[in-house]
Amino acid sequence: MTGYLTTHVLDTARGCPAKGLPITLYRVERGTREKIAEMVTNDDGRTDTPILPKETFATGSYELVFHAGTYLRASSQAAEEPLFLDEVPIRFGMSDASAHYHVPLLLSPYGYSTYRGS
């Protein structure tokens, strides 16, 4: 079995999925980032397919960048510029080649939380 990576974004301020939030995935090697995927969350706050599917999955260090400012502006939650949270980077490692990694984001205009989900 080959691993894969998924994500999910929930708007904790409004109590709903964060629809329309752009996400960029980078592979990080020796301090250098290589962009490998860009997606936008659907009505359920998820991407339509795994952000890193089984076919291209590899262990290593990665960074998800959640473009929170785009979502906060579109949902009329943005305060004055510059926003307190505009881009939310989460750097993490995946060491098990057969695992499902799930990295959700719980987002509000002034805070966020993440964890390894299931």
N, C-alpha and C. Protein backbone atom coordinates (compact mmCIF):
# COMPACT_ATOMS: atom_id res chain seq x y z
N MET A 1 0.84 -1.19 0.00
CA MET A 1 0.00 0.00 0.00
C MET A 1 0.88 1.24 0.00
N THR A 2 0.49 2.23 -0.78
CA THR A 2 1.24 3.47 -0.88
C THR A 2 0.52 4.56 -0.10
N GLY A 3 1.31 5.43 0.52
CA GLY A 3 0.73 6.52 1.30
C GLY A 3 0.14 7.62 0.44
N TYR A 4 -0.51 8.56 1.11
CA TYR A 4 -1.06 9.73 0.44
C TYR A 4 -1.32 10.81 1.47
N LEU A 5 -1.55 12.05 1.00
CA LEU A 5 -1.73 13.21 1.87
C LEU A 5 -3.04 13.91 1.55
N THR A 6 -3.82 14.18 2.59
CA THR A 6 -5.05 14.95 2.45
C THR A 6 -5.05 16.11 3.44
N THR A 7 -5.98 17.03 3.24
CA THR A 7 -6.13 18.16 4.14
C THR A 7 -7.60 18.55 4.21
N HIS A 8 -7.91 19.38 5.17
CA HIS A 8 -9.29 19.82 5.42
C HIS A 8 -9.17 21.14 6.16
N VAL A 9 -9.95 22.13 5.77
CA VAL A 9 -9.90 23.43 6.43
C VAL A 9 -11.28 23.77 6.97
N LEU A 10 -11.33 24.04 8.27
CA LEU A 10 -12.58 24.44 8.92
C LEU A 10 -12.46 25.86 9.43
N ASP A 11 -13.49 26.65 9.19
CA ASP A 11 -13.58 28.02 9.66
C ASP A 11 -14.19 27.98 11.06
N THR A 12 -13.36 28.09 12.08
CA THR A 12 -13.85 27.98 13.45
C THR A 12 -14.59 29.23 13.91
N ALA A 13 -14.38 30.35 13.27
CA ALA A 13 -15.10 31.57 13.63
C ALA A 13 -16.56 31.51 13.19
N ARG A 14 -16.80 30.90 12.03
CA ARG A 14 -18.17 30.80 11.51
C ARG A 14 -18.78 29.42 11.69
N GLY A 15 -17.96 28.46 12.12
CA GLY A 15 -18.48 27.11 12.35
C GLY A 15 -18.87 26.39 11.08
N CYS A 16 -18.01 26.49 10.05
CA CYS A 16 -18.34 25.84 8.78
C CYS A 16 -17.04 25.49 8.03
N PRO A 17 -17.15 24.67 6.99
CA PRO A 17 -15.97 24.40 6.16
C PRO A 17 -15.51 25.67 5.45
N ALA A 18 -14.22 25.78 5.22
CA ALA A 18 -13.65 26.94 4.53
C ALA A 18 -13.60 26.66 3.03
N LYS A 19 -14.65 27.04 2.34
CA LYS A 19 -14.79 26.82 0.89
C LYS A 19 -14.00 27.88 0.12
N GLY A 20 -13.26 27.45 -0.90
CA GLY A 20 -12.57 28.38 -1.78
C GLY A 20 -11.22 28.85 -1.28
N LEU A 21 -10.61 28.11 -0.36
CA LEU A 21 -9.31 28.51 0.19
C LEU A 21 -8.20 27.85 -0.63
N PRO A 22 -7.34 28.65 -1.27
CA PRO A 22 -6.23 28.09 -2.04
C PRO A 22 -5.15 27.50 -1.13
N ILE A 23 -4.56 26.39 -1.59
CA ILE A 23 -3.51 25.70 -0.84
C ILE A 23 -2.38 25.36 -1.81
N THR A 24 -1.15 25.55 -1.37
CA THR A 24 0.02 25.16 -2.15
C THR A 24 0.83 24.16 -1.34
N LEU A 25 1.28 23.09 -2.00
CA LEU A 25 2.12 22.08 -1.36
C LEU A 25 3.53 22.16 -1.95
N TYR A 26 4.51 22.20 -1.04
CA TYR A 26 5.92 22.20 -1.43
C TYR A 26 6.63 21.00 -0.84
N ARG A 27 7.59 20.46 -1.57
CA ARG A 27 8.52 19.49 -1.02
C ARG A 27 9.74 20.30 -0.57
N VAL A 28 10.26 20.00 0.61
CA VAL A 28 11.39 20.74 1.16
C VAL A 28 12.60 19.82 1.25
N GLU A 29 13.67 20.19 0.56
CA GLU A 29 14.92 19.42 0.61
C GLU A 29 16.08 20.37 0.74
N ARG A 30 16.91 20.14 1.74
CA ARG A 30 18.11 20.94 1.98
C ARG A 30 17.80 22.44 1.97
N GLY A 31 16.69 22.81 2.62
CA GLY A 31 16.32 24.22 2.74
C GLY A 31 15.67 24.84 1.53
N THR A 32 15.47 24.07 0.48
CA THR A 32 14.87 24.58 -0.75
C THR A 32 13.47 24.01 -0.92
N ARG A 33 12.52 24.88 -1.29
CA ARG A 33 11.14 24.44 -1.53
C ARG A 33 10.89 24.26 -3.02
N GLU A 34 10.23 23.15 -3.35
CA GLU A 34 9.81 22.90 -4.73
C GLU A 34 8.29 22.75 -4.74
N LYS A 35 7.61 23.61 -5.49
CA LYS A 35 6.15 23.53 -5.57
C LYS A 35 5.75 22.28 -6.32
N ILE A 36 4.84 21.49 -5.69
CA ILE A 36 4.42 20.25 -6.37
C ILE A 36 2.90 20.16 -6.56
N ALA A 37 2.14 21.03 -5.89
CA ALA A 37 0.68 20.98 -6.10
C ALA A 37 0.05 22.29 -5.66
N GLU A 38 -1.05 22.63 -6.33
CA GLU A 38 -1.90 23.76 -5.94
C GLU A 38 -3.34 23.30 -6.07
N MET A 39 -4.13 23.58 -5.05
CA MET A 39 -5.54 23.19 -5.08
C MET A 39 -6.36 24.24 -4.34
N VAL A 40 -7.67 24.13 -4.46
CA VAL A 40 -8.61 25.01 -3.77
C VAL A 40 -9.63 24.12 -3.06
N THR A 41 -9.99 24.50 -1.83
CA THR A 41 -10.95 23.68 -1.09
C THR A 41 -12.35 23.76 -1.69
N ASN A 42 -13.07 22.66 -1.57
CA ASN A 42 -14.43 22.56 -2.10
C ASN A 42 -15.47 22.96 -1.03
N ASP A 43 -16.74 22.69 -1.28
CA ASP A 43 -17.81 23.06 -0.35
C ASP A 43 -17.64 22.46 1.04
N ASP A 44 -16.93 21.35 1.13
CA ASP A 44 -16.72 20.67 2.41
C ASP A 44 -15.40 21.08 3.07
N GLY A 45 -14.68 22.04 2.48
CA GLY A 45 -13.40 22.48 3.02
C GLY A 45 -12.26 21.53 2.74
N ARG A 46 -12.48 20.59 1.83
CA ARG A 46 -11.47 19.60 1.46
C ARG A 46 -11.07 19.82 0.01
N THR A 47 -10.00 19.18 -0.40
CA THR A 47 -9.66 19.18 -1.82
C THR A 47 -10.38 18.01 -2.47
N ASP A 48 -10.70 18.14 -3.75
CA ASP A 48 -11.47 17.10 -4.43
C ASP A 48 -10.71 15.78 -4.54
N THR A 49 -9.40 15.85 -4.56
CA THR A 49 -8.54 14.66 -4.60
C THR A 49 -7.45 14.86 -3.55
N PRO A 50 -6.74 13.80 -3.18
CA PRO A 50 -5.63 14.00 -2.24
C PRO A 50 -4.65 15.04 -2.78
N ILE A 51 -4.14 15.87 -1.91
CA ILE A 51 -3.20 16.91 -2.36
C ILE A 51 -1.87 16.29 -2.78
N LEU A 52 -1.57 15.12 -2.25
CA LEU A 52 -0.44 14.32 -2.72
C LEU A 52 -0.96 12.89 -2.85
N PRO A 53 -1.33 12.49 -4.06
CA PRO A 53 -1.95 11.17 -4.26
C PRO A 53 -0.93 10.03 -4.18
N LYS A 54 -1.46 8.82 -4.11
CA LYS A 54 -0.63 7.62 -4.01
C LYS A 54 0.39 7.53 -5.14
N GLU A 55 0.00 7.94 -6.33
CA GLU A 55 0.88 7.82 -7.51
C GLU A 55 2.15 8.64 -7.39
N THR A 56 2.11 9.75 -6.65
CA THR A 56 3.28 10.63 -6.55
C THR A 56 3.80 10.76 -5.11
N PHE A 57 3.25 9.97 -4.20
CA PHE A 57 3.64 10.06 -2.80
C PHE A 57 5.10 9.64 -2.60
N ALA A 58 5.80 10.40 -1.76
CA ALA A 58 7.16 10.05 -1.35
C ALA A 58 7.35 10.58 0.06
N THR A 59 8.10 9.86 0.86
CA THR A 59 8.40 10.32 2.20
C THR A 59 9.32 11.55 2.11
N GLY A 60 9.38 12.30 3.19
CA GLY A 60 10.26 13.47 3.23
C GLY A 60 9.61 14.61 3.96
N SER A 61 10.20 15.80 3.81
CA SER A 61 9.71 17.02 4.44
C SER A 61 8.88 17.81 3.45
N TYR A 62 7.77 18.34 3.93
CA TYR A 62 6.83 19.08 3.09
C TYR A 62 6.36 20.33 3.80
N GLU A 63 5.78 21.24 3.02
CA GLU A 63 5.16 22.43 3.58
C GLU A 63 3.86 22.70 2.85
N LEU A 64 2.79 22.78 3.61
CA LEU A 64 1.50 23.23 3.08
C LEU A 64 1.38 24.71 3.39
N VAL A 65 1.04 25.50 2.39
CA VAL A 65 0.79 26.92 2.62
C VAL A 65 -0.69 27.16 2.34
N PHE A 66 -1.40 27.53 3.39
CA PHE A 66 -2.82 27.83 3.30
C PHE A 66 -2.95 29.34 3.07
N HIS A 67 -3.56 29.72 1.97
CA HIS A 67 -3.71 31.13 1.63
C HIS A 67 -4.97 31.67 2.30
N ALA A 68 -4.84 31.82 3.62
CA ALA A 68 -5.97 32.19 4.47
C ALA A 68 -6.52 33.57 4.12
N GLY A 69 -5.65 34.50 3.77
CA GLY A 69 -6.10 35.85 3.45
C GLY A 69 -7.09 35.88 2.30
N THR A 70 -6.85 35.07 1.30
CA THR A 70 -7.77 34.99 0.15
C THR A 70 -9.16 34.58 0.64
N TYR A 71 -9.20 33.56 1.48
CA TYR A 71 -10.48 33.08 2.02
C TYR A 71 -11.11 34.12 2.95
N LEU A 72 -10.33 34.70 3.84
CA LEU A 72 -10.88 35.66 4.81
C LEU A 72 -11.44 36.90 4.11
N ARG A 73 -10.77 37.36 3.07
CA ARG A 73 -11.29 38.50 2.31
C ARG A 73 -12.60 38.13 1.62
N ALA A 74 -12.63 36.96 0.98
CA ALA A 74 -13.83 36.53 0.25
C ALA A 74 -15.02 36.29 1.16
N SER A 75 -14.76 35.91 2.41
CA SER A 75 -15.85 35.63 3.36
C SER A 75 -16.15 36.82 4.27
N SER A 76 -15.63 37.98 3.89
CA SER A 76 -15.87 39.25 4.63
C SER A 76 -15.42 39.18 6.08
N GLN A 77 -14.34 38.44 6.35
CA GLN A 77 -13.80 38.37 7.70
C GLN A 77 -12.48 39.12 7.83
N ALA A 78 -12.03 39.72 6.75
CA ALA A 78 -10.75 40.42 6.77
C ALA A 78 -10.88 41.75 7.49
N ALA A 79 -9.91 42.04 8.31
CA ALA A 79 -9.84 43.34 8.98
C ALA A 79 -8.97 44.26 8.12
N GLU A 80 -8.39 45.23 8.73
CA GLU A 80 -7.51 46.15 8.00
C GLU A 80 -6.29 45.42 7.47
N GLU A 81 -5.79 45.95 6.34
CA GLU A 81 -4.54 45.41 5.79
C GLU A 81 -3.38 46.01 6.57
N PRO A 82 -2.33 45.30 6.80
CA PRO A 82 -2.16 43.90 6.45
C PRO A 82 -2.94 43.01 7.41
N LEU A 83 -3.40 41.90 6.90
CA LEU A 83 -4.14 40.95 7.72
C LEU A 83 -3.23 40.33 8.77
N PHE A 84 -3.80 39.98 9.89
CA PHE A 84 -3.03 39.29 10.92
C PHE A 84 -2.55 37.93 10.38
N LEU A 85 -3.45 37.18 9.72
CA LEU A 85 -3.08 35.92 9.07
C LEU A 85 -3.37 36.04 7.58
N ASP A 86 -2.34 35.96 6.78
CA ASP A 86 -2.52 36.00 5.33
C ASP A 86 -2.15 34.64 4.73
N GLU A 87 -0.92 34.21 4.96
CA GLU A 87 -0.50 32.87 4.55
C GLU A 87 -0.12 32.09 5.81
N VAL A 88 -0.61 30.86 5.90
CA VAL A 88 -0.32 30.00 7.05
C VAL A 88 0.51 28.82 6.54
N PRO A 89 1.83 28.83 6.81
CA PRO A 89 2.67 27.70 6.41
C PRO A 89 2.75 26.65 7.51
N ILE A 90 2.62 25.39 7.11
CA ILE A 90 2.78 24.29 8.06
C ILE A 90 3.80 23.33 7.46
N ARG A 91 4.95 23.22 8.14
CA ARG A 91 6.02 22.33 7.67
C ARG A 91 5.98 21.06 8.50
N PHE A 92 6.05 19.92 7.83
CA PHE A 92 5.89 18.64 8.51
C PHE A 92 6.66 17.57 7.75
N GLY A 93 6.86 16.43 8.40
CA GLY A 93 7.56 15.31 7.78
C GLY A 93 6.66 14.10 7.66
N MET A 94 6.89 13.33 6.62
CA MET A 94 6.17 12.07 6.41
C MET A 94 7.22 10.97 6.26
N SER A 95 7.24 10.02 7.19
CA SER A 95 8.29 9.01 7.20
C SER A 95 7.79 7.60 6.88
N ASP A 96 6.49 7.40 6.89
CA ASP A 96 5.91 6.07 6.65
C ASP A 96 5.35 6.03 5.23
N ALA A 97 6.00 5.27 4.37
CA ALA A 97 5.62 5.22 2.95
C ALA A 97 4.27 4.59 2.69
N SER A 98 3.68 3.96 3.70
CA SER A 98 2.39 3.31 3.49
C SER A 98 1.24 4.00 4.23
N ALA A 99 1.50 5.14 4.85
CA ALA A 99 0.50 5.79 5.70
C ALA A 99 -0.33 6.83 4.97
N HIS A 100 -1.53 7.04 5.49
CA HIS A 100 -2.36 8.17 5.09
C HIS A 100 -2.04 9.31 6.05
N TYR A 101 -1.51 10.38 5.53
CA TYR A 101 -1.26 11.58 6.33
C TYR A 101 -2.38 12.57 6.06
N HIS A 102 -2.94 13.11 7.12
CA HIS A 102 -4.01 14.10 7.02
C HIS A 102 -3.62 15.29 7.88
N VAL A 103 -3.49 16.47 7.25
CA VAL A 103 -3.07 17.68 7.94
C VAL A 103 -4.19 18.72 7.83
N PRO A 104 -5.09 18.75 8.81
CA PRO A 104 -6.18 19.72 8.78
C PRO A 104 -5.75 21.08 9.35
N LEU A 105 -6.52 22.09 9.01
CA LEU A 105 -6.31 23.44 9.55
C LEU A 105 -7.63 23.94 10.12
N LEU A 106 -7.59 24.36 11.37
CA LEU A 106 -8.72 25.03 12.01
C LEU A 106 -8.39 26.50 12.01
N LEU A 107 -9.19 27.31 11.33
CA LEU A 107 -8.83 28.69 11.03
C LEU A 107 -9.85 29.69 11.54
N SER A 108 -9.36 30.82 12.06
CA SER A 108 -10.17 32.00 12.33
C SER A 108 -9.33 33.20 11.90
N PRO A 109 -9.87 34.40 11.86
CA PRO A 109 -9.08 35.55 11.41
C PRO A 109 -7.85 35.84 12.27
N TYR A 110 -7.84 35.38 13.53
CA TYR A 110 -6.74 35.72 14.44
C TYR A 110 -6.04 34.51 15.05
N GLY A 111 -6.30 33.34 14.53
CA GLY A 111 -5.63 32.17 15.07
C GLY A 111 -5.89 30.94 14.23
N TYR A 112 -5.05 29.93 14.46
CA TYR A 112 -5.22 28.66 13.76
C TYR A 112 -4.62 27.55 14.60
N SER A 113 -5.01 26.33 14.26
CA SER A 113 -4.50 25.14 14.90
C SER A 113 -4.42 24.05 13.86
N THR A 114 -3.50 23.11 14.08
CA THR A 114 -3.36 21.98 13.20
C THR A 114 -2.96 20.75 14.00
N TYR A 115 -3.04 19.61 13.40
CA TYR A 115 -2.68 18.36 14.05
C TYR A 115 -2.58 17.29 12.97
N ARG A 116 -2.05 16.14 13.31
CA ARG A 116 -2.09 15.02 12.38
C ARG A 116 -3.40 14.29 12.57
N GLY A 117 -4.25 14.37 11.59
CA GLY A 117 -5.57 13.75 11.66
C GLY A 117 -5.55 12.34 11.10
N SER A 118 -6.75 11.82 10.91
CA SER A 118 -6.88 10.47 10.39
C SER A 118 -7.77 10.45 9.16
